[in-house]
């Protein structure tokens, strides 16, 4: 499943947590929510880093492909 779809389903699941009244102490709930938000930031940064790295590698591959084609057409 693509990462974007997983991210969307995660967002829906997180929003669903707020549809009913929690049966937990407010302090514990706040700690849990903060934990989730912190992990979400880490995952988002990792996702963006990997996406940017992949884009860079694809660009390099594209340039290499063009160079090879140019070489083959002039040889």
N, C-alpha and C. Protein backbone atom coordinates (compact mmCIF):
# COMPACT_ATOMS: atom_id res chain seq x y z
N UNK A 1 0.86 -1.18 0.00
CA UNK A 1 0.00 0.00 0.00
C UNK A 1 0.90 1.24 0.00
N UNK A 2 0.64 2.20 -0.89
CA UNK A 2 1.47 3.41 -0.95
C UNK A 2 1.45 4.19 0.37
N UNK A 3 2.55 4.86 0.62
CA UNK A 3 2.71 5.60 1.87
C UNK A 3 1.63 6.66 2.05
N UNK A 4 1.24 7.31 0.97
CA UNK A 4 0.21 8.36 1.06
C UNK A 4 -1.10 7.77 1.55
N UNK A 5 -1.45 6.58 1.05
CA UNK A 5 -2.69 5.93 1.50
C UNK A 5 -2.59 5.54 2.97
N UNK A 6 -1.42 5.04 3.38
CA UNK A 6 -1.23 4.68 4.78
C UNK A 6 -1.34 5.92 5.68
N UNK A 7 -0.77 7.02 5.20
CA UNK A 7 -0.84 8.26 5.97
C UNK A 7 -2.29 8.73 6.11
N UNK A 8 -3.05 8.63 5.03
CA UNK A 8 -4.46 9.03 5.08
C UNK A 8 -5.25 8.15 6.04
N UNK A 9 -5.01 6.83 5.99
CA UNK A 9 -5.75 5.94 6.88
C UNK A 9 -5.35 6.18 8.34
N UNK A 10 -4.07 6.51 8.57
CA UNK A 10 -3.62 6.83 9.93
C UNK A 10 -4.33 8.10 10.43
N UNK A 11 -4.39 9.11 9.57
CA UNK A 11 -5.06 10.36 9.96
C UNK A 11 -6.52 10.12 10.31
N UNK A 12 -7.19 9.29 9.52
CA UNK A 12 -8.61 8.97 9.79
C UNK A 12 -8.73 8.23 11.12
N UNK A 13 -7.83 7.30 11.38
CA UNK A 13 -7.86 6.53 12.64
C UNK A 13 -7.63 7.44 13.84
N UNK A 14 -6.69 8.38 13.70
CA UNK A 14 -6.42 9.30 14.80
C UNK A 14 -7.63 10.19 15.06
N UNK A 15 -8.24 10.69 14.00
CA UNK A 15 -9.43 11.53 14.16
C UNK A 15 -10.58 10.73 14.79
N UNK A 16 -10.66 9.43 14.47
CA UNK A 16 -11.70 8.58 15.04
C UNK A 16 -11.57 8.42 16.54
N UNK A 17 -10.38 8.59 17.06
CA UNK A 17 -10.18 8.49 18.51
C UNK A 17 -10.98 9.55 19.27
N UNK A 18 -11.27 10.64 18.61
CA UNK A 18 -11.94 11.75 19.27
C UNK A 18 -13.46 11.72 19.09
N UNK A 19 -13.98 10.66 18.49
CA UNK A 19 -15.42 10.55 18.30
C UNK A 19 -16.16 10.11 19.56
N UNK A 20 -15.45 9.51 20.48
CA UNK A 20 -16.10 9.08 21.72
C UNK A 20 -15.31 9.59 22.92
N UNK A 21 -15.99 9.68 24.05
CA UNK A 21 -15.35 10.17 25.27
C UNK A 21 -14.38 9.11 25.79
N UNK A 22 -13.14 9.49 26.01
CA UNK A 22 -12.16 8.51 26.48
C UNK A 22 -12.39 8.14 27.95
N UNK A 23 -12.10 6.90 28.28
CA UNK A 23 -12.21 6.42 29.66
C UNK A 23 -10.79 6.33 30.22
N UNK A 24 -10.15 7.51 30.37
CA UNK A 24 -8.77 7.57 30.83
C UNK A 24 -8.55 8.90 31.54
N UNK A 25 -7.59 8.90 32.44
CA UNK A 25 -7.28 10.15 33.16
C UNK A 25 -6.77 11.19 32.16
N UNK A 26 -7.19 12.44 32.33
CA UNK A 26 -6.77 13.49 31.38
C UNK A 26 -5.25 13.61 31.24
N UNK A 27 -4.51 13.45 32.34
CA UNK A 27 -3.05 13.56 32.26
C UNK A 27 -2.47 12.43 31.40
N UNK A 28 -2.97 11.21 31.61
CA UNK A 28 -2.50 10.07 30.82
C UNK A 28 -2.88 10.24 29.35
N UNK A 29 -4.08 10.75 29.11
CA UNK A 29 -4.53 10.99 27.75
C UNK A 29 -3.63 12.02 27.07
N UNK A 30 -3.32 13.10 27.78
CA UNK A 30 -2.46 14.15 27.23
C UNK A 30 -1.07 13.59 26.91
N UNK A 31 -0.54 12.75 27.80
CA UNK A 31 0.77 12.15 27.56
C UNK A 31 0.72 11.24 26.32
N UNK A 32 -0.35 10.47 26.20
CA UNK A 32 -0.49 9.59 25.04
C UNK A 32 -0.59 10.35 23.75
N UNK A 33 -1.37 11.41 23.76
CA UNK A 33 -1.53 12.23 22.56
C UNK A 33 -0.20 12.87 22.19
N UNK A 34 0.53 13.38 23.18
CA UNK A 34 1.82 14.00 22.91
C UNK A 34 2.80 12.98 22.33
N UNK A 35 2.77 11.77 22.87
CA UNK A 35 3.62 10.70 22.36
C UNK A 35 3.32 10.43 20.88
N UNK A 36 2.04 10.33 20.56
CA UNK A 36 1.63 10.09 19.17
C UNK A 36 2.07 11.24 18.27
N UNK A 37 1.89 12.47 18.72
CA UNK A 37 2.29 13.63 17.92
C UNK A 37 3.80 13.65 17.69
N UNK A 38 4.55 13.31 18.73
CA UNK A 38 6.02 13.27 18.58
C UNK A 38 6.44 12.21 17.58
N UNK A 39 5.86 11.03 17.68
CA UNK A 39 6.20 9.96 16.74
C UNK A 39 5.77 10.33 15.32
N UNK A 40 4.65 11.01 15.21
CA UNK A 40 4.16 11.45 13.91
C UNK A 40 5.16 12.41 13.26
N UNK A 41 5.73 13.32 14.04
CA UNK A 41 6.73 14.26 13.52
C UNK A 41 7.95 13.51 13.00
N UNK A 42 8.40 12.53 13.78
CA UNK A 42 9.56 11.74 13.37
C UNK A 42 9.27 11.00 12.07
N UNK A 43 8.12 10.36 11.99
CA UNK A 43 7.75 9.62 10.78
C UNK A 43 7.62 10.53 9.58
N UNK A 44 7.04 11.70 9.78
CA UNK A 44 6.87 12.65 8.69
C UNK A 44 8.23 13.13 8.18
N UNK A 45 9.16 13.44 9.10
CA UNK A 45 10.50 13.87 8.68
C UNK A 45 11.20 12.75 7.92
N UNK A 46 11.06 11.52 8.39
CA UNK A 46 11.68 10.38 7.73
C UNK A 46 11.09 10.20 6.33
N UNK A 47 9.79 10.28 6.24
CA UNK A 47 9.11 10.13 4.95
C UNK A 47 9.61 11.18 3.96
N UNK A 48 9.68 12.44 4.40
CA UNK A 48 10.13 13.51 3.50
C UNK A 48 11.58 13.30 3.09
N UNK A 49 12.40 12.87 4.01
CA UNK A 49 13.81 12.61 3.71
C UNK A 49 13.94 11.50 2.67
N UNK A 50 13.21 10.42 2.86
CA UNK A 50 13.27 9.30 1.92
C UNK A 50 12.70 9.69 0.56
N UNK A 51 11.65 10.48 0.56
CA UNK A 51 11.06 10.94 -0.70
C UNK A 51 12.06 11.80 -1.47
N UNK A 52 12.71 12.72 -0.76
CA UNK A 52 13.69 13.60 -1.40
C UNK A 52 14.88 12.80 -1.92
N UNK A 53 15.32 11.82 -1.16
CA UNK A 53 16.43 10.97 -1.58
C UNK A 53 16.07 10.19 -2.84
N UNK A 54 14.87 9.67 -2.87
CA UNK A 54 14.41 8.92 -4.04
C UNK A 54 14.32 9.81 -5.27
N UNK A 55 13.83 11.02 -5.08
CA UNK A 55 13.75 11.96 -6.20
C UNK A 55 15.14 12.25 -6.76
N UNK A 56 16.12 12.43 -5.86
CA UNK A 56 17.47 12.72 -6.28
C UNK A 56 18.05 11.54 -7.07
N UNK A 57 17.84 10.33 -6.57
CA UNK A 57 18.35 9.14 -7.27
C UNK A 57 17.68 8.97 -8.63
N UNK A 58 16.39 9.25 -8.71
CA UNK A 58 15.68 9.15 -9.99
C UNK A 58 16.20 10.19 -10.97
N UNK A 59 16.52 11.37 -10.48
CA UNK A 59 17.06 12.42 -11.33
C UNK A 59 18.43 12.01 -11.87
N UNK A 60 19.27 11.45 -11.00
CA UNK A 60 20.59 10.98 -11.43
C UNK A 60 20.45 9.89 -12.49
N UNK A 61 19.53 8.97 -12.27
CA UNK A 61 19.32 7.89 -13.23
C UNK A 61 18.85 8.45 -14.57
N UNK A 62 18.00 9.45 -14.52
CA UNK A 62 17.52 10.09 -15.75
C UNK A 62 18.65 10.75 -16.51
N UNK A 63 19.52 11.45 -15.79
CA UNK A 63 20.67 12.09 -16.45
C UNK A 63 21.61 11.05 -17.05
N UNK A 64 21.84 9.97 -16.32
CA UNK A 64 22.71 8.90 -16.83
C UNK A 64 22.11 8.28 -18.08
N UNK A 65 20.81 8.08 -18.07
CA UNK A 65 20.12 7.50 -19.23
C UNK A 65 20.27 8.42 -20.44
N UNK A 66 20.11 9.72 -20.24
CA UNK A 66 20.25 10.67 -21.35
C UNK A 66 21.69 10.67 -21.88
N UNK A 67 22.66 10.59 -20.96
CA UNK A 67 24.06 10.59 -21.37
C UNK A 67 24.38 9.34 -22.19
N UNK A 68 23.87 8.21 -21.74
CA UNK A 68 24.10 6.96 -22.48
C UNK A 68 23.47 7.04 -23.86
N UNK A 69 22.24 7.53 -23.93
CA UNK A 69 21.57 7.66 -25.23
C UNK A 69 22.33 8.61 -26.14
N UNK A 70 22.83 9.72 -25.60
CA UNK A 70 23.58 10.67 -26.40
C UNK A 70 24.86 10.03 -26.92
N UNK A 71 25.51 9.28 -26.08
CA UNK A 71 26.74 8.59 -26.48
C UNK A 71 26.45 7.57 -27.59
N UNK A 72 25.39 6.82 -27.41
CA UNK A 72 25.06 5.77 -28.39
C UNK A 72 24.64 6.36 -29.74
N UNK A 73 24.02 7.52 -29.73
CA UNK A 73 23.58 8.10 -31.00
C UNK A 73 24.72 8.78 -31.73
N UNK A 74 25.78 9.18 -31.03
CA UNK A 74 26.91 9.83 -31.69
C UNK A 74 28.04 8.86 -32.01
N UNK A 75 27.96 7.68 -31.45
CA UNK A 75 29.06 6.70 -31.68
C UNK A 75 28.94 5.99 -32.99
